[in-house]
């Protein structure tokens, strides 16, 4: 049973490493969209089209509603001779842009782009796959999973859309809704775990992943780092690695010193590791007036000798918590 728990812990850590190392998808975590457009425009004017394309694309992810990024992306891609993807950027701009003075020019640029693309295909160059239908289906699936509360699956669908080069202002709504739902889910699981409710390792790891989805698609959870460390600590504790759990709880305490229960869980991990005196030291240092500190002190006294244990228990029963002492 213990080896199974350790395998589960190892698998969870590997999965978490993959999620934690992933790039932000959509929203402020990607960067400052206006600054990206400004820098991309400078590079475009210097005919550095490849780097300009990279920054314009990032701008469409940082703020999918920023329409100039799409037009700049189309032009930079044309300069880089990425004809098919340039056409996609022009279409994204024309689909959402209002009827402004620049629209006829952009429409003409799209028509030129499509003629060049058609000419390329006549030369029997491999035509890029048309992913339009697939992306429509994936967007529908995203919203279905979101409504069903399958947030991790919805996040993966969004990641696939982004990785396949989907462009559109609707990414803003998709990311915002996923971020909001992820924040709520992570906060609720953290609250339940903090109060000692028994959550499975799978539930804990899902909650830990939601912290990353919230950050990578919008607004991060307050004190997300501390909450993530706490959830990781609980998984380590369930996996039988109390020492690792204690270290994670200690880091969570350092990052969020106002959260009392992180300190209690650190003491619990020390106790689970067989270091009862270490657990008492944590409680006496951080929570000297907490009733749980008294209970732990009595347990340490009992471990020292039966007489010491009896005297500590007597002190608790008839001195500190007696009716006379409370008056």
Protein backbone atom coordinates (compact mmCIF):
# COMPACT_ATOMS: atom_id res chain seq x y z
CA UNK A 1 0.00 0.00 0.00
CA UNK A 2 2.84 2.36 0.91
CA UNK A 3 4.69 1.65 -2.35
CA UNK A 4 1.48 2.41 -4.24
CA UNK A 5 1.23 5.76 -2.44
CA UNK A 6 4.84 6.56 -3.33
CA UNK A 7 4.21 5.73 -7.00
CA UNK A 8 1.18 7.99 -6.94
CA UNK A 9 3.26 10.78 -5.41
CA UNK A 10 6.01 10.37 -8.02
CA UNK A 11 3.51 10.39 -10.88
CA UNK A 12 1.83 13.48 -9.47
CA UNK A 13 5.16 15.31 -9.14
CA UNK A 14 6.09 14.50 -12.74
CA UNK A 15 2.73 15.71 -13.99
CA UNK A 16 2.97 18.84 -11.89
CA UNK A 17 6.42 19.54 -13.23
CA UNK A 18 5.04 19.48 -16.76
CA UNK A 19 2.23 21.87 -15.88
CA UNK A 20 4.41 24.21 -13.85
CA UNK A 21 6.95 24.44 -16.65
CA UNK A 22 4.32 25.31 -19.27
CA UNK A 23 4.16 28.79 -20.78
CA UNK A 24 1.26 31.10 -19.85
CA UNK A 25 -1.49 30.79 -22.44
CA UNK A 26 -3.63 33.89 -22.57
CA UNK A 27 -3.85 37.05 -20.51
CA UNK A 28 -1.56 39.34 -18.50
CA UNK A 29 0.85 36.55 -17.55
CA UNK A 30 1.92 36.39 -21.21
CA UNK A 31 3.12 40.01 -21.11
CA UNK A 32 2.10 43.61 -21.67
CA UNK A 33 0.22 43.59 -24.97
CA UNK A 34 0.68 47.28 -25.76
CA UNK A 35 4.43 47.11 -25.10
CA UNK A 36 4.70 43.98 -27.23
CA UNK A 37 2.92 45.67 -30.15
CA UNK A 38 5.15 48.73 -29.85
CA UNK A 39 8.33 46.65 -29.92
CA UNK A 40 7.02 44.40 -32.71
CA UNK A 41 6.22 47.48 -34.81
CA UNK A 42 9.77 48.78 -34.39
CA UNK A 43 11.16 45.43 -35.52
CA UNK A 44 8.76 45.33 -38.48
CA UNK A 45 9.92 48.76 -39.59
CA UNK A 46 13.49 47.43 -39.45
CA UNK A 47 12.37 44.48 -41.62
CA UNK A 48 13.14 42.02 -38.84
CA UNK A 49 10.01 40.10 -39.74
CA UNK A 50 10.59 36.82 -37.90
CA UNK A 51 11.13 38.48 -34.51
CA UNK A 52 8.34 40.95 -35.21
CA UNK A 53 6.00 38.03 -35.93
CA UNK A 54 6.90 36.40 -32.62
CA UNK A 55 6.11 39.53 -30.62
CA UNK A 56 2.89 40.36 -32.46
CA UNK A 57 1.70 36.79 -31.84
CA UNK A 58 2.50 37.13 -28.14
CA UNK A 59 0.51 40.36 -28.08
CA UNK A 60 -2.57 38.54 -29.46
CA UNK A 61 -2.23 36.10 -26.54
CA UNK A 62 -1.55 38.75 -23.92
CA UNK A 63 -4.70 40.62 -24.94
CA UNK A 64 -6.81 38.86 -27.60
CA UNK A 65 -9.07 41.94 -27.81
CA UNK A 66 -6.22 44.20 -28.99
CA UNK A 67 -7.04 44.33 -32.70
CA UNK A 68 -3.91 46.15 -33.98
CA UNK A 69 -1.88 43.10 -32.95
CA UNK A 70 -3.67 40.94 -35.55
CA UNK A 71 -3.12 43.37 -38.40
CA UNK A 72 0.52 43.79 -37.43
CA UNK A 73 0.86 40.03 -37.24
CA UNK A 74 -0.57 39.60 -40.74
CA UNK A 75 1.84 42.12 -42.19
CA UNK A 76 4.86 40.71 -40.34
CA UNK A 77 4.01 37.20 -41.49
CA UNK A 78 3.73 38.41 -45.06
CA UNK A 79 7.17 39.93 -44.70
CA UNK A 80 8.45 36.62 -43.34
CA UNK A 81 6.78 34.81 -46.29
CA UNK A 82 4.52 32.85 -43.95
CA UNK A 83 1.64 33.26 -46.37
CA UNK A 84 -0.95 30.85 -44.99
CA UNK A 85 -0.61 32.07 -41.41
CA UNK A 86 -0.57 35.68 -42.61
CA UNK A 87 -3.96 35.15 -44.25
CA UNK A 88 -5.28 33.72 -40.98
CA UNK A 89 -4.15 36.84 -39.10
CA UNK A 90 -5.77 39.15 -41.64
CA UNK A 91 -9.03 37.19 -41.39
CA UNK A 92 -8.97 37.42 -37.60
CA UNK A 93 -8.58 41.19 -37.83
CA UNK A 94 -11.30 41.66 -40.46
CA UNK A 95 -13.70 39.42 -38.55
CA UNK A 96 -13.65 41.68 -35.49
CA UNK A 97 -12.49 45.11 -36.66
CA UNK A 98 -15.10 47.85 -37.01
CA UNK A 99 -15.78 49.60 -40.31
CA UNK A 100 -12.86 52.01 -40.12
CA UNK A 101 -10.68 53.76 -42.68
CA UNK A 102 -8.01 51.04 -42.54
CA UNK A 103 -10.45 48.26 -43.38
CA UNK A 104 -10.34 48.53 -47.22
CA UNK A 105 -6.53 48.47 -47.16
CA UNK A 106 -6.49 45.42 -44.91
CA UNK A 107 -9.07 43.72 -47.14
CA UNK A 108 -6.82 44.37 -50.13
CA UNK A 109 -3.84 42.93 -48.27
CA UNK A 110 -5.83 39.80 -47.44
CA UNK A 111 -6.83 39.37 -51.10
CA UNK A 112 -3.17 39.69 -52.12
CA UNK A 113 -2.24 37.18 -49.46
CA UNK A 114 -4.85 34.71 -50.70
CA UNK A 115 -3.69 35.11 -54.33
CA UNK A 116 -0.11 34.38 -53.27
CA UNK A 117 -1.31 31.38 -51.28
CA UNK A 118 -3.25 30.09 -54.28
CA UNK A 119 -0.21 30.54 -56.51
CA UNK A 120 1.92 28.62 -54.04
CA UNK A 121 -0.53 25.73 -54.11
CA UNK A 122 -0.46 25.66 -57.91
CA UNK A 123 3.27 25.00 -57.66
CA UNK A 124 2.31 21.80 -55.83
CA UNK A 125 3.77 22.96 -52.55
CA UNK A 126 2.22 21.11 -49.60
CA UNK A 127 -0.90 22.96 -48.56
CA UNK A 128 -1.19 23.64 -44.83
CA UNK A 129 -4.01 21.80 -43.15
CA UNK A 130 -7.24 23.78 -42.76
CA UNK A 131 -8.00 23.56 -39.05
CA UNK A 132 -11.09 25.79 -39.11
CA UNK A 133 -13.63 23.00 -38.58
CA UNK A 134 -11.46 21.36 -35.94
CA UNK A 135 -11.11 24.60 -34.02
CA UNK A 136 -14.85 25.26 -34.11
CA UNK A 137 -15.40 21.80 -32.65
CA UNK A 138 -12.70 22.29 -30.03
CA UNK A 139 -14.19 25.61 -28.90
CA UNK A 140 -17.58 23.97 -28.49
CA UNK A 141 -15.95 21.18 -26.50
CA UNK A 142 -14.14 23.72 -24.34
CA UNK A 143 -17.38 25.35 -23.23
CA UNK A 144 -19.03 21.98 -22.63
CA UNK A 145 -16.17 20.90 -20.37
CA UNK A 146 -16.20 24.24 -18.60
CA UNK A 147 -19.91 23.94 -17.85
CA UNK A 148 -19.39 20.37 -16.62
CA UNK A 149 -16.67 21.53 -14.22
CA UNK A 150 -13.95 19.62 -16.07
CA UNK A 151 -11.54 22.52 -15.79
CA UNK A 152 -8.31 20.65 -16.44
CA UNK A 153 -9.73 19.17 -19.65
CA UNK A 154 -11.02 22.60 -20.70
CA UNK A 155 -7.55 24.03 -20.06
CA UNK A 156 -5.92 21.39 -22.21
CA UNK A 157 -8.39 22.15 -25.02
CA UNK A 158 -7.47 25.83 -24.78
CA UNK A 159 -3.77 24.97 -24.76
CA UNK A 160 -4.24 22.92 -27.94
CA UNK A 161 -6.06 25.78 -29.67
CA UNK A 162 -3.23 28.16 -28.80
CA UNK A 163 -0.51 25.71 -29.81
CA UNK A 164 -2.22 25.15 -33.17
CA UNK A 165 -2.15 28.86 -33.88
CA UNK A 166 -5.81 29.74 -33.41
CA UNK A 167 -6.41 33.49 -33.55
CA UNK A 168 -9.49 35.33 -32.38
CA UNK A 169 -10.82 37.80 -29.84
CA UNK A 170 -13.00 35.02 -28.39
CA UNK A 171 -9.86 33.65 -26.73
CA UNK A 172 -10.26 36.48 -24.21
CA UNK A 173 -13.65 35.21 -23.03
CA UNK A 174 -12.50 31.60 -22.99
CA UNK A 175 -9.44 32.40 -20.92
CA UNK A 176 -11.32 34.70 -18.55
CA UNK A 177 -13.99 32.11 -17.82
CA UNK A 178 -11.44 29.36 -17.29
CA UNK A 179 -9.37 31.57 -14.99
CA UNK A 180 -12.41 32.56 -12.92
CA UNK A 181 -13.57 28.96 -12.55
CA UNK A 182 -10.04 27.77 -11.75
CA UNK A 183 -9.60 30.40 -9.04
CA UNK A 184 -12.89 29.42 -7.44
CA UNK A 185 -12.12 25.70 -7.59
CA UNK A 186 -8.60 26.07 -6.22
CA UNK A 187 -9.73 28.35 -3.38
CA UNK A 188 -12.52 25.97 -2.35
CA UNK A 189 -10.25 22.92 -2.30
CA UNK A 190 -7.59 24.84 -0.38
CA UNK A 191 -10.19 25.93 2.20
CA UNK A 192 -11.44 22.38 2.68
CA UNK A 193 -7.93 20.95 2.98
CA UNK A 194 -6.82 23.68 5.38
CA UNK A 195 -9.58 22.77 7.83
CA UNK A 196 -8.52 19.12 7.81
CA UNK A 197 -11.12 17.69 5.44
CA UNK A 198 -9.77 14.50 3.91
CA UNK A 199 -9.18 15.06 0.20
CA UNK A 200 -7.64 12.44 -2.05
CA UNK A 201 -4.24 12.91 -3.66
CA UNK A 202 -6.03 13.29 -6.99
CA UNK A 203 -8.27 16.06 -5.63
CA UNK A 204 -5.26 17.83 -4.13
CA UNK A 205 -3.22 17.60 -7.32
CA UNK A 206 -6.16 18.86 -9.37
CA UNK A 207 -6.49 21.84 -7.04
CA UNK A 208 -2.75 22.49 -7.34
CA UNK A 209 -3.07 22.44 -11.12
CA UNK A 210 -5.99 24.88 -11.00
CA UNK A 211 -3.70 27.45 -9.38
CA UNK A 212 -1.56 27.30 -12.53
CA UNK A 213 -4.54 27.42 -14.89
CA UNK A 214 -5.84 30.52 -13.09
CA UNK A 215 -2.48 32.26 -13.48
CA UNK A 216 -1.86 31.13 -17.08
CA UNK A 217 -5.26 32.26 -18.35
CA UNK A 218 -5.94 35.39 -16.33
CA UNK A 219 -5.79 36.58 -12.75
CA UNK A 220 -3.75 34.48 -10.33
CA UNK A 221 -5.11 33.30 -6.98
CA UNK A 222 -3.96 35.50 -4.06
CA UNK A 223 -0.98 33.89 -2.27
CA UNK A 224 -0.98 31.20 -4.96
CA UNK A 225 2.60 30.15 -4.23
CA UNK A 226 1.92 29.48 -0.54
CA UNK A 227 -1.31 27.65 -1.33
CA UNK A 228 0.46 25.52 -3.92
CA UNK A 229 3.21 24.60 -1.44
CA UNK A 230 0.58 23.65 1.13
CA UNK A 231 -1.27 21.40 -1.31
CA UNK A 232 2.02 19.81 -2.38
CA UNK A 233 2.79 19.19 1.28
CA UNK A 234 -0.48 17.36 1.79
CA UNK A 235 0.23 15.13 -1.20
CA UNK A 236 3.69 14.37 0.18
CA UNK A 237 2.15 13.56 3.56
CA UNK A 238 -0.33 11.18 1.95
CA UNK A 239 2.53 9.59 0.05
CA UNK A 240 4.36 8.81 3.29
CA UNK A 241 7.10 11.44 2.96
CA UNK A 242 6.50 13.41 6.16
CA UNK A 243 9.90 15.12 6.04
CA UNK A 244 9.26 16.50 2.56
CA UNK A 245 5.81 17.59 3.71
CA UNK A 246 7.29 19.43 6.70
CA UNK A 247 9.66 21.34 4.40
CA UNK A 248 6.82 22.32 2.08
CA UNK A 249 4.63 23.45 4.98
CA UNK A 250 7.56 25.49 6.33
CA UNK A 251 7.92 27.24 2.96
CA UNK A 252 4.18 27.89 2.83
CA UNK A 253 4.40 29.43 6.32
CA UNK A 254 7.29 31.67 5.25
CA UNK A 255 5.34 32.92 2.24
CA UNK A 256 2.06 33.40 4.11
CA UNK A 257 2.94 33.94 7.79
CA UNK A 258 -0.60 35.02 8.61
CA UNK A 259 -2.08 31.59 7.86
CA UNK A 260 -1.99 29.85 11.25
CA UNK A 261 -2.98 26.43 9.98
CA UNK A 262 0.15 26.10 7.84
CA UNK A 263 2.12 26.08 11.10
CA UNK A 264 -0.16 23.46 12.61
CA UNK A 265 0.25 21.24 9.54
CA UNK A 266 4.01 21.66 9.79
CA UNK A 267 3.88 20.42 13.38
CA UNK A 268 1.63 17.55 12.27
CA UNK A 269 4.18 16.52 9.64
CA UNK A 270 6.96 16.53 12.24
CA UNK A 271 4.82 14.42 14.54
CA UNK A 272 4.11 12.03 11.66
CA UNK A 273 7.87 11.79 11.05
CA UNK A 274 8.37 10.76 14.68
CA UNK A 275 9.79 14.11 15.84
CA UNK A 276 7.31 14.91 18.58
CA UNK A 277 9.64 17.37 20.31
CA UNK A 278 10.27 19.17 17.02
CA UNK A 279 6.51 19.45 16.56
CA UNK A 280 6.16 20.89 20.05
CA UNK A 281 8.92 23.42 19.39
CA UNK A 282 7.06 24.66 16.31
CA UNK A 283 3.80 24.99 18.22
CA UNK A 284 5.37 26.64 21.28
CA UNK A 285 7.25 29.10 19.06
CA UNK A 286 4.44 29.98 16.70
CA UNK A 287 1.23 29.20 18.61
CA UNK A 288 2.00 29.18 22.34
CA UNK A 289 -1.62 29.90 23.38
CA UNK A 290 -3.24 27.41 21.05
CA UNK A 291 -4.99 24.54 22.93
CA UNK A 292 -3.36 22.08 20.54
CA UNK A 293 0.02 23.16 21.87
CA UNK A 294 -1.04 22.03 25.34
CA UNK A 295 -2.16 18.68 24.02
CA UNK A 296 1.17 18.22 22.26
CA UNK A 297 3.05 19.23 25.39
CA UNK A 298 1.16 16.57 27.35
CA UNK A 299 2.05 13.97 24.70
CA UNK A 300 5.74 14.88 24.91
CA UNK A 301 5.62 14.71 28.72
CA UNK A 302 3.98 11.28 28.54
CA UNK A 303 6.75 10.18 26.20
CA UNK A 304 9.35 11.34 28.73
CA UNK A 305 7.82 9.47 31.67
CA UNK A 306 4.46 8.39 33.00
CA UNK A 307 4.86 10.77 35.95
CA UNK A 308 5.59 13.78 33.75
CA UNK A 309 2.66 12.89 31.57
CA UNK A 310 0.33 12.61 34.54
CA UNK A 311 1.45 15.97 35.94
CA UNK A 312 0.99 17.72 32.59
CA UNK A 313 -2.45 16.20 32.18
CA UNK A 314 -3.34 17.31 35.71
CA UNK A 315 -2.20 20.83 34.92
CA UNK A 316 -4.43 20.91 31.86
CA UNK A 317 -7.46 19.48 33.64
CA UNK A 318 -7.31 21.32 36.93
CA UNK A 319 -5.31 24.47 36.35
CA UNK A 320 -5.33 25.92 32.84
CA UNK A 321 -8.78 24.75 31.77
CA UNK A 322 -10.54 24.44 35.12
CA UNK A 323 -13.63 26.57 35.86
CA UNK A 324 -11.67 28.43 38.55
CA UNK A 325 -8.87 29.31 36.10
CA UNK A 326 -11.33 30.64 33.59
CA UNK A 327 -12.83 33.13 36.04
